[in-house]
Full PDB file with SEQRES, HELIX, SHEET, SSBOND, CRYST1, ORIGX, SCALE, CONECT and MASTER records, all heavy atoms in Angstrom:
SEQRES   1 A   32  GLU GLU VAL LEU ASN ALA ALA ALA THR LYS TRP ASN PHE          
SEQRES   2 A   32  LEU PRO PHE LYS PRO GLY LEU VAL GLY GLY HIS CYS ILE          
SEQRES   3 A   32  GLY VAL ASP PRO TYR TYR                                      
HELIX    1 AA1 GLU A    2  ALA A    7  1                                   6    
HELIX    2 AA2 ASP A   29  TYR A   31  5                                   3    
CRYST1    1.000    1.000    1.000  90.00  90.00  90.00 P 1           1          
ORIGX1      1.000000  0.000000  0.000000        0.00000                         
ORIGX2      0.000000  1.000000  0.000000        0.00000                         
ORIGX3      0.000000  0.000000  1.000000        0.00000                         
SCALE1      1.000000  0.000000  0.000000        0.00000                         
SCALE2      0.000000  1.000000  0.000000        0.00000                         
SCALE3      0.000000  0.000000  1.000000        0.00000                         
ATOM      1  N   GLU A   1      38.107 -41.182 -39.134  1.00  0.00           N  
ATOM      2  CA  GLU A   1      38.944 -41.378 -40.342  1.00  0.00           C  
ATOM      3  C   GLU A   1      38.192 -41.121 -41.622  1.00  0.00           C  
ATOM      4  O   GLU A   1      38.673 -40.493 -42.567  1.00  0.00           O  
ATOM      5  CB  GLU A   1      39.564 -42.779 -40.358  1.00  0.00           C  
ATOM      6  CG  GLU A   1      40.608 -42.958 -41.504  1.00  0.00           C  
ATOM      7  CD  GLU A   1      41.267 -44.315 -41.529  1.00  0.00           C  
ATOM      8  OE1 GLU A   1      40.558 -45.307 -41.176  1.00  0.00           O  
ATOM      9  OE2 GLU A   1      42.441 -44.393 -41.781  1.00  0.00           O  
ATOM     10  N   GLU A   2      36.949 -41.573 -41.686  1.00  0.00           N  
ATOM     11  CA  GLU A   2      36.149 -41.370 -42.849  1.00  0.00           C  
ATOM     12  C   GLU A   2      35.874 -39.878 -43.163  1.00  0.00           C  
ATOM     13  O   GLU A   2      35.872 -39.436 -44.244  1.00  0.00           O  
ATOM     14  CB  GLU A   2      34.853 -42.184 -42.842  1.00  0.00           C  
ATOM     15  CG  GLU A   2      34.105 -42.148 -44.165  1.00  0.00           C  
ATOM     16  CD  GLU A   2      32.922 -43.135 -44.144  1.00  0.00           C  
ATOM     17  OE1 GLU A   2      32.676 -43.760 -43.226  1.00  0.00           O  
ATOM     18  OE2 GLU A   2      32.191 -43.127 -45.232  1.00  0.00           O  
ATOM     19  N   VAL A   3      35.584 -39.186 -41.963  1.00  0.00           N  
ATOM     20  CA  VAL A   3      35.361 -37.736 -42.098  1.00  0.00           C  
ATOM     21  C   VAL A   3      36.649 -37.061 -42.620  1.00  0.00           C  
ATOM     22  O   VAL A   3      36.571 -36.220 -43.530  1.00  0.00           O  
ATOM     23  CB  VAL A   3      34.972 -37.159 -40.746  1.00  0.00           C  
ATOM     24  CG1 VAL A   3      34.907 -35.596 -40.834  1.00  0.00           C  
ATOM     25  CG2 VAL A   3      33.673 -37.750 -40.296  1.00  0.00           C  
ATOM     26  N   LEU A   4      37.813 -37.360 -42.088  1.00  0.00           N  
ATOM     27  CA  LEU A   4      39.074 -36.800 -42.501  1.00  0.00           C  
ATOM     28  C   LEU A   4      39.409 -37.104 -43.883  1.00  0.00           C  
ATOM     29  O   LEU A   4      39.938 -36.218 -44.636  1.00  0.00           O  
ATOM     30  CB  LEU A   4      40.181 -37.177 -41.488  1.00  0.00           C  
ATOM     31  CG  LEU A   4      40.041 -36.722 -40.092  1.00  0.00           C  
ATOM     32  CD1 LEU A   4      41.225 -37.343 -39.244  1.00  0.00           C  
ATOM     33  CD2 LEU A   4      40.115 -35.198 -39.934  1.00  0.00           C  
ATOM     34  N   ASN A   5      39.166 -38.326 -44.351  1.00  0.00           N  
ATOM     35  CA  ASN A   5      39.455 -38.720 -45.711  1.00  0.00           C  
ATOM     36  C   ASN A   5      38.540 -37.919 -46.675  1.00  0.00           C  
ATOM     37  O   ASN A   5      39.050 -37.500 -47.750  1.00  0.00           O  
ATOM     38  CB  ASN A   5      39.277 -40.203 -45.893  1.00  0.00           C  
ATOM     39  CG  ASN A   5      40.394 -41.021 -45.261  1.00  0.00           C  
ATOM     40  OD1 ASN A   5      41.436 -40.496 -44.976  1.00  0.00           O  
ATOM     41  ND2 ASN A   5      40.097 -42.284 -45.006  1.00  0.00           N  
ATOM     42  N   ALA A   6      37.336 -37.741 -46.275  1.00  0.00           N  
ATOM     43  CA  ALA A   6      36.443 -36.957 -47.134  1.00  0.00           C  
ATOM     44  C   ALA A   6      36.883 -35.552 -47.248  1.00  0.00           C  
ATOM     45  O   ALA A   6      36.919 -34.898 -48.335  1.00  0.00           O  
ATOM     46  CB  ALA A   6      34.961 -37.099 -46.659  1.00  0.00           C  
ATOM     47  N   ALA A   7      37.221 -34.907 -46.096  1.00  0.00           N  
ATOM     48  CA  ALA A   7      37.649 -33.544 -46.111  1.00  0.00           C  
ATOM     49  C   ALA A   7      38.956 -33.347 -46.857  1.00  0.00           C  
ATOM     50  O   ALA A   7      39.205 -32.299 -47.518  1.00  0.00           O  
ATOM     51  CB  ALA A   7      37.824 -33.093 -44.670  1.00  0.00           C  
ATOM     52  N   ALA A   8      39.777 -34.409 -46.842  1.00  0.00           N  
ATOM     53  CA  ALA A   8      41.098 -34.326 -47.535  1.00  0.00           C  
ATOM     54  C   ALA A   8      41.040 -34.303 -49.060  1.00  0.00           C  
ATOM     55  O   ALA A   8      42.031 -34.121 -49.769  1.00  0.00           O  
ATOM     56  CB  ALA A   8      42.001 -35.469 -47.068  1.00  0.00           C  
ATOM     57  N   THR A   9      39.815 -34.519 -49.567  1.00  0.00           N  
ATOM     58  CA  THR A   9      39.659 -34.433 -50.982  1.00  0.00           C  
ATOM     59  C   THR A   9      39.849 -32.993 -51.547  1.00  0.00           C  
ATOM     60  O   THR A   9      40.024 -32.808 -52.733  1.00  0.00           O  
ATOM     61  CB  THR A   9      38.347 -34.993 -51.526  1.00  0.00           C  
ATOM     62  OG1 THR A   9      37.261 -34.360 -50.846  1.00  0.00           O  
ATOM     63  CG2 THR A   9      38.250 -36.474 -51.158  1.00  0.00           C  
ATOM     64  N   LYS A  10      39.711 -31.996 -50.552  1.00  0.00           N  
ATOM     65  CA  LYS A  10      40.002 -30.662 -50.986  1.00  0.00           C  
ATOM     66  C   LYS A  10      41.544 -30.457 -50.898  1.00  0.00           C  
ATOM     67  O   LYS A  10      42.178 -30.863 -49.940  1.00  0.00           O  
ATOM     68  CB  LYS A  10      39.264 -29.587 -50.030  1.00  0.00           C  
ATOM     69  CG  LYS A  10      39.418 -28.225 -50.484  1.00  0.00           C  
ATOM     70  CD  LYS A  10      38.674 -27.252 -49.615  1.00  0.00           C  
ATOM     71  CE  LYS A  10      38.818 -25.832 -50.193  1.00  0.00           C  
ATOM     72  NZ  LYS A  10      38.182 -24.773 -49.248  1.00  0.00           N  
ATOM     73  N   TRP A  11      42.137 -29.726 -51.938  1.00  0.00           N  
ATOM     74  CA  TRP A  11      43.521 -29.686 -52.126  1.00  0.00           C  
ATOM     75  C   TRP A  11      44.245 -29.045 -50.911  1.00  0.00           C  
ATOM     76  O   TRP A  11      45.441 -29.387 -50.660  1.00  0.00           O  
ATOM     77  CB  TRP A  11      43.847 -28.866 -53.388  1.00  0.00           C  
ATOM     78  CG  TRP A  11      43.714 -27.403 -53.184  1.00  0.00           C  
ATOM     79  CD1 TRP A  11      44.677 -26.476 -52.890  1.00  0.00           C  
ATOM     80  CD2 TRP A  11      42.573 -26.610 -53.360  1.00  0.00           C  
ATOM     81  NE1 TRP A  11      44.222 -25.222 -52.830  1.00  0.00           N  
ATOM     82  CE2 TRP A  11      42.854 -25.199 -53.102  1.00  0.00           C  
ATOM     83  CE3 TRP A  11      41.202 -26.928 -53.747  1.00  0.00           C  
ATOM     84  CZ2 TRP A  11      41.926 -24.218 -53.220  1.00  0.00           C  
ATOM     85  CZ3 TRP A  11      40.286 -25.874 -53.752  1.00  0.00           C  
ATOM     86  CH2 TRP A  11      40.629 -24.570 -53.508  1.00  0.00           C  
ATOM     87  N   ASN A  12      43.624 -28.164 -50.117  1.00  0.00           N  
ATOM     88  CA  ASN A  12      44.399 -27.385 -49.096  1.00  0.00           C  
ATOM     89  C   ASN A  12      44.019 -27.876 -47.691  1.00  0.00           C  
ATOM     90  O   ASN A  12      44.344 -27.257 -46.727  1.00  0.00           O  
ATOM     91  CB  ASN A  12      44.085 -25.906 -49.176  1.00  0.00           C  
ATOM     92  CG  ASN A  12      42.683 -25.579 -49.102  1.00  0.00           C  
ATOM     93  OD1 ASN A  12      41.789 -26.384 -49.124  1.00  0.00           O  
ATOM     94  ND2 ASN A  12      42.393 -24.223 -49.089  1.00  0.00           N  
ATOM     95  N   PHE A  13      43.352 -29.081 -47.619  1.00  0.00           N  
ATOM     96  CA  PHE A  13      43.106 -29.641 -46.268  1.00  0.00           C  
ATOM     97  C   PHE A  13      44.298 -30.364 -45.731  1.00  0.00           C  
ATOM     98  O   PHE A  13      44.921 -31.212 -46.483  1.00  0.00           O  
ATOM     99  CB  PHE A  13      41.850 -30.612 -46.358  1.00  0.00           C  
ATOM    100  CG  PHE A  13      41.429 -31.094 -44.968  1.00  0.00           C  
ATOM    101  CD1 PHE A  13      40.570 -30.377 -44.171  1.00  0.00           C  
ATOM    102  CD2 PHE A  13      41.931 -32.310 -44.499  1.00  0.00           C  
ATOM    103  CE1 PHE A  13      40.231 -30.866 -42.916  1.00  0.00           C  
ATOM    104  CE2 PHE A  13      41.526 -32.796 -43.309  1.00  0.00           C  
ATOM    105  CZ  PHE A  13      40.636 -32.124 -42.463  1.00  0.00           C  
ATOM    106  N   LEU A  14      44.733 -30.057 -44.555  1.00  0.00           N  
ATOM    107  CA  LEU A  14      45.954 -30.640 -44.026  1.00  0.00           C  
ATOM    108  C   LEU A  14      45.692 -32.071 -43.427  1.00  0.00           C  
ATOM    109  O   LEU A  14      44.798 -32.244 -42.623  1.00  0.00           O  
ATOM    110  CB  LEU A  14      46.556 -29.761 -42.922  1.00  0.00           C  
ATOM    111  CG  LEU A  14      46.899 -28.343 -43.343  1.00  0.00           C  
ATOM    112  CD1 LEU A  14      47.389 -27.478 -42.195  1.00  0.00           C  
ATOM    113  CD2 LEU A  14      47.942 -28.355 -44.487  1.00  0.00           C  
ATOM    114  N   PRO A  15      46.482 -33.113 -43.838  1.00  0.00           N  
ATOM    115  CA  PRO A  15      46.241 -34.463 -43.504  1.00  0.00           C  
ATOM    116  C   PRO A  15      46.791 -34.881 -42.147  1.00  0.00           C  
ATOM    117  O   PRO A  15      47.546 -35.817 -42.030  1.00  0.00           O  
ATOM    118  CB  PRO A  15      46.889 -35.216 -44.595  1.00  0.00           C  
ATOM    119  CG  PRO A  15      48.096 -34.378 -44.963  1.00  0.00           C  
ATOM    120  CD  PRO A  15      47.620 -32.934 -44.774  1.00  0.00           C  
ATOM    121  N   PHE A  16      46.278 -34.271 -41.073  1.00  0.00           N  
ATOM    122  CA  PHE A  16      46.673 -34.741 -39.749  1.00  0.00           C  
ATOM    123  C   PHE A  16      45.667 -35.711 -39.188  1.00  0.00           C  
ATOM    124  O   PHE A  16      44.528 -35.719 -39.588  1.00  0.00           O  
ATOM    125  CB  PHE A  16      46.741 -33.497 -38.762  1.00  0.00           C  
ATOM    126  CG  PHE A  16      47.913 -32.672 -38.995  1.00  0.00           C  
ATOM    127  CD1 PHE A  16      47.849 -31.567 -39.911  1.00  0.00           C  
ATOM    128  CD2 PHE A  16      49.160 -32.916 -38.359  1.00  0.00           C  
ATOM    129  CE1 PHE A  16      49.011 -30.800 -40.145  1.00  0.00           C  
ATOM    130  CE2 PHE A  16      50.249 -32.127 -38.567  1.00  0.00           C  
ATOM    131  CZ  PHE A  16      50.183 -31.083 -39.442  1.00  0.00           C  
ATOM    132  N   LYS A  17      46.194 -36.600 -38.333  1.00  0.00           N  
ATOM    133  CA  LYS A  17      45.367 -37.651 -37.724  1.00  0.00           C  
ATOM    134  C   LYS A  17      45.384 -37.593 -36.255  1.00  0.00           C  
ATOM    135  O   LYS A  17      46.369 -37.080 -35.649  1.00  0.00           O  
ATOM    136  CB  LYS A  17      45.870 -39.007 -38.190  1.00  0.00           C  
ATOM    137  CG  LYS A  17      45.681 -39.260 -39.704  1.00  0.00           C  
ATOM    138  CD  LYS A  17      46.141 -40.654 -40.092  1.00  0.00           C  
ATOM    139  CE  LYS A  17      45.900 -40.944 -41.533  1.00  0.00           C  
ATOM    140  NZ  LYS A  17      46.370 -42.318 -41.972  1.00  0.00           N  
ATOM    141  N   PRO A  18      44.348 -38.055 -35.527  1.00  0.00           N  
ATOM    142  CA  PRO A  18      44.370 -38.004 -34.076  1.00  0.00           C  
ATOM    143  C   PRO A  18      45.228 -39.069 -33.492  1.00  0.00           C  
ATOM    144  O   PRO A  18      45.682 -39.996 -34.160  1.00  0.00           O  
ATOM    145  CB  PRO A  18      42.838 -38.394 -33.758  1.00  0.00           C  
ATOM    146  CG  PRO A  18      42.401 -39.192 -34.914  1.00  0.00           C  
ATOM    147  CD  PRO A  18      43.106 -38.597 -36.127  1.00  0.00           C  
ATOM    148  N   GLY A  19      45.685 -38.823 -32.258  1.00  0.00           N  
ATOM    149  CA  GLY A  19      46.522 -39.823 -31.601  1.00  0.00           C  
ATOM    150  C   GLY A  19      47.214 -39.259 -30.389  1.00  0.00           C  
ATOM    151  O   GLY A  19      47.009 -38.086 -29.996  1.00  0.00           O  
ATOM    152  N   LEU A  20      48.035 -40.041 -29.775  1.00  0.00           N  
ATOM    153  CA  LEU A  20      48.806 -39.646 -28.623  1.00  0.00           C  
ATOM    154  C   LEU A  20      49.979 -38.845 -29.005  1.00  0.00           C  
ATOM    155  O   LEU A  20      50.655 -39.167 -30.014  1.00  0.00           O  
ATOM    156  CB  LEU A  20      49.296 -40.885 -27.799  1.00  0.00           C  
ATOM    157  CG  LEU A  20      48.184 -41.888 -27.380  1.00  0.00           C  
ATOM    158  CD1 LEU A  20      48.856 -43.126 -26.712  1.00  0.00           C  
ATOM    159  CD2 LEU A  20      47.179 -41.266 -26.506  1.00  0.00           C  
ATOM    160  N   VAL A  21      50.220 -37.744 -28.340  1.00  0.00           N  
ATOM    161  CA  VAL A  21      51.352 -36.843 -28.711  1.00  0.00           C  
ATOM    162  C   VAL A  21      52.408 -36.864 -27.620  1.00  0.00           C  
ATOM    163  O   VAL A  21      52.203 -36.369 -26.495  1.00  0.00           O  
ATOM    164  CB  VAL A  21      50.875 -35.389 -28.949  1.00  0.00           C  
ATOM    165  CG1 VAL A  21      52.075 -34.514 -29.351  1.00  0.00           C  
ATOM    166  CG2 VAL A  21      49.787 -35.346 -30.000  1.00  0.00           C  
ATOM    167  N   GLY A  22      53.530 -37.568 -27.879  1.00  0.00           N  
ATOM    168  CA  GLY A  22      54.571 -37.657 -26.902  1.00  0.00           C  
ATOM    169  C   GLY A  22      55.948 -37.433 -27.536  1.00  0.00           C  
ATOM    170  O   GLY A  22      56.030 -36.707 -28.550  1.00  0.00           O  
ATOM    171  N   GLY A  23      57.046 -37.955 -27.024  1.00  0.00           N  
ATOM    172  CA  GLY A  23      58.347 -37.816 -27.529  1.00  0.00           C  
ATOM    173  C   GLY A  23      58.993 -36.572 -27.021  1.00  0.00           C  
ATOM    174  O   GLY A  23      58.497 -35.770 -26.257  1.00  0.00           O  
ATOM    175  N   HIS A  24      60.273 -36.411 -27.475  1.00  0.00           N  
ATOM    176  CA  HIS A  24      61.081 -35.330 -26.955  1.00  0.00           C  
ATOM    177  C   HIS A  24      60.876 -34.016 -27.732  1.00  0.00           C  
ATOM    178  O   HIS A  24      61.552 -33.031 -27.307  1.00  0.00           O  
ATOM    179  CB  HIS A  24      62.530 -35.810 -27.007  1.00  0.00           C  
ATOM    180  CG  HIS A  24      63.488 -34.818 -26.274  1.00  0.00           C  
ATOM    181  ND1 HIS A  24      63.361 -34.509 -24.914  1.00  0.00           N  
ATOM    182  CD2 HIS A  24      64.494 -34.050 -26.742  1.00  0.00           C  
ATOM    183  CE1 HIS A  24      64.282 -33.652 -24.597  1.00  0.00           C  
ATOM    184  NE2 HIS A  24      64.950 -33.345 -25.672  1.00  0.00           N  
ATOM    185  N   CYS A  25      60.050 -34.006 -28.751  1.00  0.00           N  
ATOM    186  CA  CYS A  25      59.933 -32.824 -29.578  1.00  0.00           C  
ATOM    187  C   CYS A  25      58.570 -32.126 -29.488  1.00  0.00           C  
ATOM    188  O   CYS A  25      58.358 -31.113 -28.872  1.00  0.00           O  
ATOM    189  CB  CYS A  25      60.307 -33.157 -31.034  1.00  0.00           C  
ATOM    190  SG  CYS A  25      61.995 -33.721 -31.250  1.00  0.00           S  
ATOM    191  N   ILE A  26      57.584 -32.835 -30.123  1.00  0.00           N  
ATOM    192  CA  ILE A  26      56.242 -32.254 -30.245  1.00  0.00           C  
ATOM    193  C   ILE A  26      55.646 -31.982 -28.865  1.00  0.00           C  
ATOM    194  O   ILE A  26      54.993 -30.953 -28.665  1.00  0.00           O  
ATOM    195  CB  ILE A  26      55.335 -33.127 -31.093  1.00  0.00           C  
ATOM    196  CG1 ILE A  26      55.922 -33.193 -32.539  1.00  0.00           C  
ATOM    197  CG2 ILE A  26      53.917 -32.457 -31.185  1.00  0.00           C  
ATOM    198  CD1 ILE A  26      55.128 -34.118 -33.424  1.00  0.00           C  
ATOM    199  N   GLY A  27      55.814 -32.892 -27.945  1.00  0.00           N  
ATOM    200  CA  GLY A  27      55.177 -32.716 -26.630  1.00  0.00           C  
ATOM    201  C   GLY A  27      55.974 -31.839 -25.719  1.00  0.00           C  
ATOM    202  O   GLY A  27      55.538 -31.626 -24.558  1.00  0.00           O  
ATOM    203  N   VAL A  28      57.162 -31.343 -26.147  1.00  0.00           N  
ATOM    204  CA  VAL A  28      58.030 -30.552 -25.298  1.00  0.00           C  
ATOM    205  C   VAL A  28      58.265 -29.143 -25.785  1.00  0.00           C  
ATOM    206  O   VAL A  28      58.142 -28.135 -25.051  1.00  0.00           O  
ATOM    207  CB  VAL A  28      59.374 -31.247 -25.124  1.00  0.00           C  
ATOM    208  CG1 VAL A  28      60.408 -30.408 -24.411  1.00  0.00           C  
ATOM    209  CG2 VAL A  28      59.225 -32.616 -24.409  1.00  0.00           C  
ATOM    210  N   ASP A  29      58.584 -29.059 -27.116  1.00  0.00           N  
ATOM    211  CA  ASP A  29      59.008 -27.789 -27.656  1.00  0.00           C  
ATOM    212  C   ASP A  29      58.065 -26.612 -27.489  1.00  0.00           C  
ATOM    213  O   ASP A  29      58.444 -25.479 -27.207  1.00  0.00           O  
ATOM    214  CB  ASP A  29      59.245 -27.943 -29.190  1.00  0.00           C  
ATOM    215  CG  ASP A  29      60.405 -28.846 -29.421  1.00  0.00           C  
ATOM    216  OD1 ASP A  29      61.104 -29.293 -28.501  1.00  0.00           O  
ATOM    217  OD2 ASP A  29      60.791 -29.103 -30.638  1.00  0.00           O  
ATOM    218  N   PRO A  30      56.727 -26.812 -27.578  1.00  0.00           N  
ATOM    219  CA  PRO A  30      55.797 -25.728 -27.380  1.00  0.00           C  
ATOM    220  C   PRO A  30      55.913 -25.012 -25.983  1.00  0.00           C  
ATOM    221  O   PRO A  30      55.729 -23.845 -25.871  1.00  0.00           O  
ATOM    222  CB  PRO A  30      54.419 -26.329 -27.514  1.00  0.00           C  
ATOM    223  CG  PRO A  30      54.587 -27.477 -28.420  1.00  0.00           C  
ATOM    224  CD  PRO A  30      55.951 -28.075 -28.067  1.00  0.00           C  
ATOM    225  N   TYR A  31      56.369 -25.801 -25.005  1.00  0.00           N  
ATOM    226  CA  TYR A  31      56.478 -25.204 -23.637  1.00  0.00           C  
ATOM    227  C   TYR A  31      57.704 -24.228 -23.630  1.00  0.00           C  
ATOM    228  O   TYR A  31      57.671 -23.344 -22.795  1.00  0.00           O  
ATOM    229  CB  TYR A  31      56.717 -26.346 -22.622  1.00  0.00           C  
ATOM    230  CG  TYR A  31      55.373 -27.086 -22.303  1.00  0.00           C  
ATOM    231  CD1 TYR A  31      55.342 -28.498 -22.487  1.00  0.00           C  
ATOM    232  CD2 TYR A  31      54.282 -26.439 -21.903  1.00  0.00           C  
ATOM    233  CE1 TYR A  31      54.243 -29.193 -22.292  1.00  0.00           C  
ATOM    234  CE2 TYR A  31      53.098 -27.159 -21.589  1.00  0.00           C  
ATOM    235  CZ  TYR A  31      53.110 -28.583 -21.743  1.00  0.00           C  
ATOM    236  OH  TYR A  31      51.919 -29.251 -21.520  1.00  0.00           O  
ATOM    237  N   TYR A  32      58.620 -24.457 -24.464  1.00  0.00           N  
ATOM    238  CA  TYR A  32      59.793 -23.522 -24.524  1.00  0.00           C  
ATOM    239  C   TYR A  32      59.270 -22.132 -25.006  1.00  0.00           C  
ATOM    240  O   TYR A  32      59.642 -21.094 -24.482  1.00  0.00           O  
ATOM    241  CB  TYR A  32      60.901 -24.068 -25.410  1.00  0.00           C  
ATOM    242  CG  TYR A  32      61.881 -24.998 -24.617  1.00  0.00           C  
ATOM    243  CD1 TYR A  32      61.479 -26.241 -24.287  1.00  0.00           C  
ATOM    244  CD2 TYR A  32      63.106 -24.496 -24.223  1.00  0.00           C  
ATOM    245  CE1 TYR A  32      62.345 -27.106 -23.670  1.00  0.00           C  
ATOM    246  CE2 TYR A  32      63.926 -25.312 -23.493  1.00  0.00           C  
ATOM    247  CZ  TYR A  32      63.609 -26.604 -23.196  1.00  0.00           C  
ATOM    248  OH  TYR A  32      64.453 -27.418 -22.530  1.00  0.00           O  
TER     249      TYR A  32                                                      
MASTER        0    0    0    2    0    0    0    6  248    1    0    3          
END                                                                             
């Protein structure tokens, strides 16, 4: 988190975070 927060001080760094990816959308749609 500290690394990501530091990198996010640049205006074009995308603020994504690690975690489990489930649900009916993100974990499914790419397979289509």
